[in-house]
Structure formats: C-alpha cells, structure tokens
Amino acid sequence: MMKVALLSRWHVHADDYAREAGKHPDLSIKCIWDEDTARGEKWSSELGVPFIRELETVLRDPQIDGVIVNTPTNRHREVILAAVEHKKHVFTEKVLAFTTAECEEIYEAAEKNGVKLTVSLPRLTANYYLYAQHALDKGWLGDLTSIRCRLAHNGAVPVSGSVNGWLPPHFFDKEQCGGGALIDLGAHPIYLTNRLAGAASAVTSIFQKNDQRTVEENAVVLVEYGSGALGTVETGFLSYGSPFQLELYGTKGALLIEENEIRLNSSQLEQEGWIIPEVLPKALPMPMEQWVESIVKGKETTIRKEDVCSLTLINEAAALSHAEGRKVLISEVKEVLLNQ
C-alpha cells in the first residue's frame, strides 16, 4: 500500500484526485499540506486525515511514498523539485511548469532520484483519442492536412454571487496561473493535437480578455506542424453548452468527434459516406492509475515526457505570439532553452 500526501487544494481538480486516491486499492492518503492553512485544515477535517503545516515535515516523513500536487502552478517547480529530492514519487496537475526549461529540469531531477513523475493529461487515455490515432495509423485519413480541437466552458460567465462565474477567483491570477483559458482548459486540445499531428514548427495566437482581468478568457491558437498539417486550438471560459470537438482532415478521409459521437468518411474503406464505428478501442487506465502501476509494477506510462514538455512549449510560443503580435517559430523558443 502506497502512502501519499495531498499537496494543496488550490486546483479545481484537487477534490477529484483525492476521491480517486481514496478509492484506489493501492493508495492510502496519509496527510495534507496546503500553502493556505485554513483551506488545508478544512480539507483535512473533511477527509479525516492530519494536516501538516510545514511542507518539509511532510517530505521528510519516511512513510510517505508519493505526493499528489495541486498547488498554484507557479509553485510547481519549487514543490515538485523538493518532493523529488526527498525521493517521493509525484503525480501532478497540468501544466508541469511555465517553461520548457523548468520541465526539463524537473524530469532530470526525477530521473536522477529514481522517482516516477506523472502529469495528468487524461484525454490521452480516452477511447475517442485512441480511435483517432488508430484511424491515422491505418491510413484511413491519408496524409493529415488539418486538425481542429475545441474545449470550452462557461466558468468565467458571471453568476449570482460571483462576478467570476463558478471558477475560483485565483484562476484569473496571472502570477499563480501563468495565464488564463489557454494554459488551463486549453491544455487538453494542445496535447491532443500535438500527439496526433507531431512536432510543431510555428505558432500564432489570439487572446481575448476584458478590462477587469489580467488573463485571457478566450484563445485561438494556430499551430503549424512539421508534418505539414495545420492545427487549430480553441478554448475559453465564456461558452455555455459548448461541446468538445476534435476534427481531423486528410487527403483520404475525415474524422469528426463531438462529445460521444464519432463519424468517419474515408476513401480507403469499402463503405461509402459517413460511418459510425461500432467498436471503439478500450480506454487506457487513467493517469493516476498509470502512475501507481509505474511504481508498483514498473509499467511505463502512456503519458510521455514529450507530451508534457510539448504542451508547455506551445504555451510559451502562444504567449510570445500574443505579446508581440506575430507568428513565433518553435525554433525561437528552443533556442532560448539551449542557451540556458
């Protein structure tokens, strides 16, 4: 049985991970730490486990095998590196860090200390992603020419009693979050398009925000891939009822995914016109399950370092594109990394 510590309830998914850990037969929640003492004490009371005021005390505890990190994103590097140095396995909410250089630093430290690091990129385990990858691998779409992914919700639409909507106010704190809709919700379309289309070569972004906020509420990012495909990433906090959409277009077919509906039209299949697949691949284990299996059974996770670093790379390039109002070559961002 692995004993784990929950590090912060800052992120909106912290409760989800606590429930997932609480139900896992190989995990036991031993304690809680939070940079916000009142919030941490409340959480510990709800879960019936001790609250520890000092992070160092948690990390020095030889009984703690791993940590689940949901701190403000600007504290990821500090907290995760500390955990790794104490040889604690790490499961963390995305994004791993604000810069690709920091991501590389964290992975290097994890490898040096022999600990398992998994970042939660859950849509890479979904059956619709696996079907899209299968369709590409089978050649049903031919050469991929265009890919579009949209994920948006109404978290910033004002509701009774809150001008920020149902998202917590700190999700609009640029210092803590590193950005707005793109770095948070937009992470999912980014890592999906990256995985399906390959290595990016250039990024052009458009961010929109109101005068009362310092981070974007809507974002569209155009990604040029080395494969020749053009990617469109759309995300935002101002869309009620917006469905998740993933679209792939190629020289021999098209694949449209909207929520639970999947349609394929391919010149490579005997059946003409749009078809709805009767059988989908079995979903992979969720990221936390994969994290545990990597520790207990030595299995490799399907969420790779490349997925995590490329996610941050696109965010870096998109932020620079918005700030300077131009297309940003990925080589520019990588050059900064090489010079550090």
Protein backbone atom coordinates (compact mmCIF):
# COMPACT_ATOMS: atom_id res chain seq x y z
CA MET A 1 0.00 0.00 0.00
CA MET A 2 1.45 3.36 -1.07
CA LYS A 3 1.02 6.19 1.40
CA VAL A 4 0.55 9.57 -0.24
CA ALA A 5 0.27 13.19 0.83
CA LEU A 6 -2.12 15.63 -0.82
CA LEU A 7 -0.27 18.87 -1.52
CA SER A 8 -2.75 21.77 -1.76
CA ARG A 9 -6.43 22.10 -2.63
CA TRP A 10 -5.78 25.12 -4.88
CA HIS A 11 -6.73 23.47 -8.17
CA VAL A 12 -10.37 22.74 -9.05
CA HIS A 13 -9.47 19.09 -9.66
CA ALA A 14 -7.92 18.58 -6.21
CA ASP A 15 -11.09 17.01 -4.82
CA ASP A 16 -11.34 14.72 -7.85
CA TYR A 17 -7.82 13.42 -7.26
CA ALA A 18 -8.50 12.99 -3.55
CA ARG A 19 -11.57 10.86 -4.37
CA GLU A 20 -9.61 8.87 -6.94
CA ALA A 21 -6.78 8.23 -4.49
CA GLY A 22 -9.23 7.37 -1.72
CA LYS A 23 -10.86 4.69 -3.87
CA HIS A 24 -7.63 3.20 -5.21
CA PRO A 25 -6.80 -0.15 -3.56
CA ASP A 26 -3.06 0.56 -3.63
CA LEU A 27 -3.19 4.12 -2.26
CA SER A 28 -3.73 5.49 1.23
CA ILE A 29 -3.98 9.23 1.96
CA LYS A 30 -1.77 9.82 4.99
CA CYS A 31 -1.82 13.61 5.34
CA ILE A 32 -2.50 17.01 3.78
CA TRP A 33 -0.40 20.10 3.30
CA ASP A 34 -1.63 23.35 1.85
CA GLU A 35 0.00 26.75 1.35
CA ASP A 36 -3.30 28.13 2.65
CA THR A 37 -3.51 26.87 6.24
CA ALA A 38 -7.25 27.47 6.69
CA ARG A 39 -8.08 25.70 3.45
CA GLY A 40 -5.81 22.78 4.31
CA GLU A 41 -7.24 22.38 7.81
CA LYS A 42 -10.77 22.36 6.41
CA TRP A 43 -9.82 19.71 3.87
CA SER A 44 -8.12 17.54 6.49
CA SER A 45 -11.24 17.73 8.64
CA GLU A 46 -13.41 16.65 5.71
CA LEU A 47 -11.12 13.73 4.80
CA GLY A 48 -10.29 12.72 8.37
CA VAL A 49 -6.50 12.82 7.91
CA PRO A 50 -3.90 15.04 9.63
CA PHE A 51 -2.99 18.49 8.34
CA ILE A 52 0.76 19.20 8.40
CA ARG A 53 1.75 22.88 8.45
CA GLU A 54 5.28 22.53 7.08
CA LEU A 55 5.92 21.00 3.68
CA GLU A 56 9.40 19.91 4.73
CA THR A 57 7.86 17.85 7.54
CA VAL A 58 5.70 16.01 5.02
CA LEU A 59 8.57 15.36 2.64
CA ARG A 60 10.91 14.13 5.39
CA ASP A 61 8.39 11.55 6.57
CA PRO A 62 9.82 8.14 5.54
CA GLN A 63 6.32 6.67 5.48
CA ILE A 64 5.25 8.95 2.62
CA ASP A 65 5.86 7.23 -0.71
CA GLY A 66 4.39 9.83 -3.04
CA VAL A 67 2.65 13.17 -3.34
CA ILE A 68 -0.31 14.45 -5.35
CA VAL A 69 0.35 18.06 -6.31
CA ASN A 70 -2.45 20.60 -6.81
CA THR A 71 -0.62 23.77 -5.79
CA PRO A 72 -0.75 27.06 -7.72
CA THR A 73 1.09 26.42 -10.97
CA ASN A 74 3.78 28.97 -10.12
CA ARG A 75 4.75 26.76 -7.17
CA HIS A 76 5.01 23.52 -9.15
CA ARG A 77 8.74 23.75 -9.76
CA GLU A 78 9.55 24.54 -6.14
CA VAL A 79 7.24 21.92 -4.61
CA ILE A 80 7.87 19.13 -7.12
CA LEU A 81 11.65 19.52 -7.04
CA ALA A 82 11.54 19.42 -3.22
CA ALA A 83 9.46 16.24 -3.33
CA VAL A 84 11.77 14.65 -5.89
CA GLU A 85 14.86 15.49 -3.84
CA HIS A 86 13.23 13.62 -0.95
CA LYS A 87 12.66 10.71 -3.35
CA LYS A 88 8.88 10.97 -3.31
CA HIS A 89 7.00 9.86 -6.41
CA VAL A 90 4.95 12.68 -7.94
CA PHE A 91 1.53 12.89 -9.55
CA THR A 92 0.67 16.42 -10.58
CA GLU A 93 -2.00 18.50 -12.26
CA LYS A 94 -1.05 20.06 -15.59
CA VAL A 95 0.83 22.07 -16.66
CA LEU A 96 4.05 20.77 -15.17
CA ALA A 97 5.79 24.17 -15.31
CA PHE A 98 5.67 27.54 -17.05
CA THR A 99 8.75 26.98 -19.23
CA THR A 100 10.17 24.06 -21.14
CA ALA A 101 13.47 24.61 -19.36
CA GLU A 102 11.77 24.08 -15.99
CA CYS A 103 10.04 20.95 -17.30
CA GLU A 104 13.38 19.54 -18.41
CA GLU A 105 14.89 20.40 -15.03
CA ILE A 106 12.12 18.58 -13.17
CA TYR A 107 12.34 15.47 -15.35
CA GLU A 108 16.12 15.38 -14.98
CA ALA A 109 15.80 15.57 -11.20
CA ALA A 110 13.16 12.82 -11.17
CA GLU A 111 15.37 10.51 -13.22
CA LYS A 112 18.40 11.27 -11.06
CA ASN A 113 16.49 10.41 -7.89
CA GLY A 114 14.75 7.35 -9.29
CA VAL A 115 11.21 8.58 -8.77
CA LYS A 116 8.16 8.29 -11.01
CA LEU A 117 6.62 11.52 -12.28
CA THR A 118 3.22 11.57 -13.99
CA VAL A 119 1.36 14.65 -15.20
CA SER A 120 -2.41 14.38 -15.54
CA LEU A 121 -3.20 14.50 -19.27
CA PRO A 122 -6.37 12.39 -19.08
CA ARG A 123 -7.69 12.78 -22.62
CA LEU A 124 -4.74 10.80 -23.95
CA THR A 125 -6.37 7.77 -22.31
CA ALA A 126 -9.84 8.33 -23.86
CA ASN A 127 -11.30 5.91 -26.40
CA TYR A 128 -12.01 8.69 -28.92
CA TYR A 129 -8.35 9.75 -28.94
CA LEU A 130 -7.28 6.12 -29.35
CA TYR A 131 -9.70 5.73 -32.26
CA ALA A 132 -8.36 8.88 -33.93
CA GLN A 133 -4.81 7.61 -33.55
CA HIS A 134 -5.87 4.21 -34.93
CA ALA A 135 -7.52 5.85 -37.96
CA LEU A 136 -4.34 7.79 -38.70
CA ASP A 137 -2.12 4.75 -38.23
CA LYS A 138 -4.31 2.65 -40.54
CA GLY A 139 -4.05 5.29 -43.25
CA TRP A 140 -7.80 5.89 -43.39
CA LEU A 141 -7.23 9.66 -43.47
CA GLY A 142 -4.22 9.62 -45.74
CA ASP A 143 -1.84 12.49 -45.02
CA LEU A 144 -3.17 14.65 -42.20
CA THR A 145 -3.67 18.17 -43.53
CA SER A 146 -5.74 19.85 -40.84
CA ILE A 147 -6.70 19.21 -37.23
CA ARG A 148 -9.02 21.22 -35.01
CA CYS A 149 -9.79 20.74 -31.32
CA ARG A 150 -12.16 22.83 -29.19
CA LEU A 151 -12.78 22.64 -25.46
CA ALA A 152 -14.57 25.49 -23.71
CA HIS A 153 -16.94 26.08 -20.80
CA ASN A 154 -18.73 28.94 -19.04
CA GLY A 155 -16.53 29.09 -15.94
CA ALA A 156 -15.97 32.87 -16.25
CA VAL A 157 -19.57 33.81 -17.02
CA PRO A 158 -20.86 35.80 -14.01
CA VAL A 159 -23.39 34.02 -11.83
CA SER A 160 -25.40 35.13 -8.84
CA GLY A 161 -22.97 35.99 -6.06
CA SER A 162 -19.81 35.80 -8.17
CA VAL A 163 -18.53 38.05 -10.94
CA ASN A 164 -16.01 35.32 -11.82
CA GLY A 165 -18.55 32.59 -12.51
CA TRP A 166 -18.07 29.16 -11.00
CA LEU A 167 -14.28 29.19 -11.39
CA PRO A 168 -12.44 30.26 -8.23
CA PRO A 169 -11.09 33.85 -8.34
CA HIS A 170 -7.49 32.65 -8.20
CA PHE A 171 -7.90 31.04 -11.64
CA PHE A 172 -7.67 34.59 -13.00
CA ASP A 173 -4.45 35.38 -11.12
CA LYS A 174 -1.72 35.60 -13.77
CA GLU A 175 1.09 35.22 -11.25
CA GLN A 176 -0.28 31.97 -9.86
CA CYS A 177 -1.66 30.51 -13.11
CA GLY A 178 0.77 31.82 -15.70
CA GLY A 179 -2.12 32.68 -17.98
CA GLY A 180 -5.84 32.15 -18.43
CA ALA A 181 -8.01 29.87 -20.50
CA LEU A 182 -5.23 28.51 -22.74
CA ILE A 183 -2.79 27.30 -20.09
CA ASP A 184 -5.63 25.71 -18.11
CA LEU A 185 -8.50 24.34 -20.19
CA GLY A 186 -6.65 24.77 -23.47
CA ALA A 187 -4.03 22.29 -22.31
CA HIS A 188 -6.26 19.42 -23.39
CA PRO A 189 -6.65 20.50 -27.05
CA ILE A 190 -2.95 21.32 -27.16
CA TYR A 191 -1.66 17.94 -26.04
CA LEU A 192 -4.21 16.10 -28.19
CA THR A 193 -3.29 17.98 -31.37
CA ASN A 194 0.41 17.64 -30.57
CA ARG A 195 0.13 13.88 -30.16
CA LEU A 196 -1.89 13.42 -33.35
CA ALA A 197 -0.06 15.89 -35.60
CA GLY A 198 3.55 15.56 -34.41
CA ALA A 199 6.19 18.19 -33.73
CA ALA A 200 5.15 21.83 -34.13
CA SER A 201 7.14 24.32 -36.19
CA ALA A 202 5.33 27.64 -35.60
CA VAL A 203 2.54 29.17 -33.51
CA THR A 204 0.23 32.15 -33.99
CA SER A 205 -2.21 33.07 -31.23
CA ILE A 206 -5.07 35.42 -30.47
CA PHE A 207 -6.09 36.04 -26.84
CA GLN A 208 -9.16 37.97 -25.70
CA LYS A 209 -9.87 39.35 -22.23
CA ASN A 210 -11.97 42.06 -20.65
CA ASP A 211 -10.51 45.16 -18.98
CA GLN A 212 -11.09 43.80 -15.47
CA ARG A 213 -8.88 40.75 -15.92
CA THR A 214 -5.17 40.21 -16.48
CA VAL A 215 -5.56 36.84 -18.23
CA GLU A 216 -7.38 35.75 -21.37
CA GLU A 217 -10.88 34.30 -21.26
CA ASN A 218 -10.85 33.14 -24.89
CA ALA A 219 -8.00 31.90 -27.06
CA VAL A 220 -7.44 30.60 -30.56
CA VAL A 221 -4.05 29.20 -31.49
CA LEU A 222 -2.92 28.20 -34.97
CA VAL A 223 -0.16 25.62 -34.94
CA GLU A 224 1.93 24.77 -37.98
CA TYR A 225 3.29 21.25 -37.73
CA GLY A 226 6.43 19.88 -39.34
CA SER A 227 4.28 17.16 -40.90
CA GLY A 228 2.56 19.84 -42.99
CA ALA A 229 -0.67 19.74 -41.00
CA LEU A 230 -2.28 22.93 -39.75
CA GLY A 231 -3.75 22.80 -36.25
CA THR A 232 -6.43 24.99 -34.69
CA VAL A 233 -6.78 25.01 -30.92
CA GLU A 234 -9.83 26.75 -29.46
CA THR A 235 -10.64 27.25 -25.80
CA GLY A 236 -12.38 29.65 -23.48
CA PHE A 237 -14.22 30.30 -20.24
CA LEU A 238 -17.22 32.11 -21.77
CA SER A 239 -19.11 29.41 -23.69
CA TYR A 240 -22.27 27.82 -22.32
CA GLY A 241 -23.04 24.37 -23.66
CA SER A 242 -20.01 24.22 -25.95
CA PRO A 243 -19.34 20.58 -26.92
CA PHE A 244 -15.91 19.04 -27.00
CA GLN A 245 -14.86 18.74 -30.64
CA LEU A 246 -11.92 17.01 -32.32
CA GLU A 247 -11.74 17.08 -36.13
CA LEU A 248 -9.12 15.51 -38.38
CA TYR A 249 -8.96 16.07 -42.14
CA GLY A 250 -6.64 14.34 -44.56
CA THR A 251 -6.05 13.55 -48.20
CA LYS A 252 -8.11 10.34 -47.99
CA GLY A 253 -10.65 10.94 -45.28
CA ALA A 254 -12.14 12.93 -42.42
CA LEU A 255 -12.86 12.07 -38.80
CA LEU A 256 -15.29 14.13 -36.71
CA ILE A 257 -15.64 13.68 -32.95
CA GLU A 258 -18.20 15.64 -30.97
CA GLU A 259 -18.68 14.56 -27.36
CA ASN A 260 -19.63 10.86 -27.64
CA GLU A 261 -20.38 10.84 -31.38
CA ILE A 262 -17.70 9.71 -33.82
CA ARG A 263 -18.06 9.81 -37.61
CA LEU A 264 -15.58 8.69 -40.25
CA ASN A 265 -15.61 9.22 -44.01
CA SER A 266 -12.75 7.55 -45.84
CA SER A 267 -11.96 6.61 -49.42
CA GLN A 268 -9.93 3.71 -48.00
CA LEU A 269 -12.96 1.83 -46.69
CA GLU A 270 -15.45 -0.27 -48.63
CA GLN A 271 -18.42 1.61 -47.24
CA GLU A 272 -19.03 4.98 -48.86
CA GLY A 273 -20.10 8.10 -46.97
CA TRP A 274 -20.10 8.70 -43.26
CA ILE A 275 -19.92 5.71 -40.96
CA ILE A 276 -20.26 5.48 -37.19
CA PRO A 277 -17.78 2.94 -35.79
CA GLU A 278 -19.50 0.14 -33.91
CA VAL A 279 -16.49 -0.76 -31.79
CA LEU A 280 -14.07 1.67 -30.15
CA PRO A 281 -10.73 0.86 -28.53
CA LYS A 282 -10.83 0.20 -24.81
CA ALA A 283 -9.88 3.32 -22.86
CA LEU A 284 -6.48 3.21 -21.20
CA PRO A 285 -6.12 3.44 -17.42
CA MET A 286 -6.46 6.99 -16.13
CA PRO A 287 -3.26 8.92 -15.36
CA MET A 288 -3.31 8.25 -11.60
CA GLU A 289 -3.79 4.54 -12.19
CA GLN A 290 -0.87 4.57 -14.62
CA TRP A 291 1.24 6.43 -12.07
CA VAL A 292 0.58 3.77 -9.44
CA GLU A 293 1.28 0.95 -11.89
CA SER A 294 4.57 2.57 -12.89
CA ILE A 295 5.64 2.49 -9.24
CA VAL A 296 4.17 -0.81 -8.08
CA LYS A 297 4.54 -2.86 -11.27
CA GLY A 298 7.28 -1.00 -13.13
CA LYS A 299 5.00 -0.35 -16.14
CA GLU A 300 5.72 2.58 -18.42
CA THR A 301 3.02 5.24 -18.56
CA THR A 302 1.50 6.12 -21.92
CA ILE A 303 1.75 9.80 -20.96
CA ARG A 304 5.25 10.69 -22.03
CA LYS A 305 7.77 13.37 -21.18
CA GLU A 306 7.45 14.60 -24.77
CA ASP A 307 3.70 15.17 -24.29
CA VAL A 308 4.30 17.23 -21.16
CA CYS A 309 7.19 19.32 -22.49
CA SER A 310 5.49 19.96 -25.83
CA LEU A 311 2.40 21.20 -24.01
CA THR A 312 4.45 23.84 -22.22
CA LEU A 313 6.36 24.62 -25.41
CA ILE A 314 3.16 25.54 -27.27
CA ASN A 315 2.01 27.66 -24.32
CA GLU A 316 5.32 29.52 -24.30
CA ALA A 317 5.15 30.18 -28.02
CA ALA A 318 1.48 31.22 -27.87
CA ALA A 319 2.13 33.68 -25.05
CA LEU A 320 5.03 35.23 -27.01
CA SER A 321 2.92 35.37 -30.17
CA HIS A 322 0.16 37.24 -28.35
CA ALA A 323 2.57 39.61 -26.62
CA GLU A 324 4.38 40.55 -29.83
CA GLY A 325 1.52 40.18 -32.29
CA ARG A 326 3.34 37.86 -34.67
CA LYS A 327 3.97 34.27 -35.66
CA VAL A 328 6.54 32.62 -33.42
CA LEU A 329 8.83 29.89 -34.69
CA ILE A 330 9.27 26.96 -32.31
CA SER A 331 12.99 27.16 -33.02
CA GLU A 332 12.99 30.59 -31.31
CA VAL A 333 11.67 29.12 -28.07
CA LYS A 334 14.00 26.14 -28.26
CA GLU A 335 16.98 28.43 -28.83
CA VAL A 336 16.23 30.12 -25.52
CA LEU A 337 16.17 26.68 -23.88
CA LEU A 338 19.54 25.72 -25.39
CA ASN A 339 21.12 28.95 -24.18
CA GLN A 340 20.03 28.49 -20.58
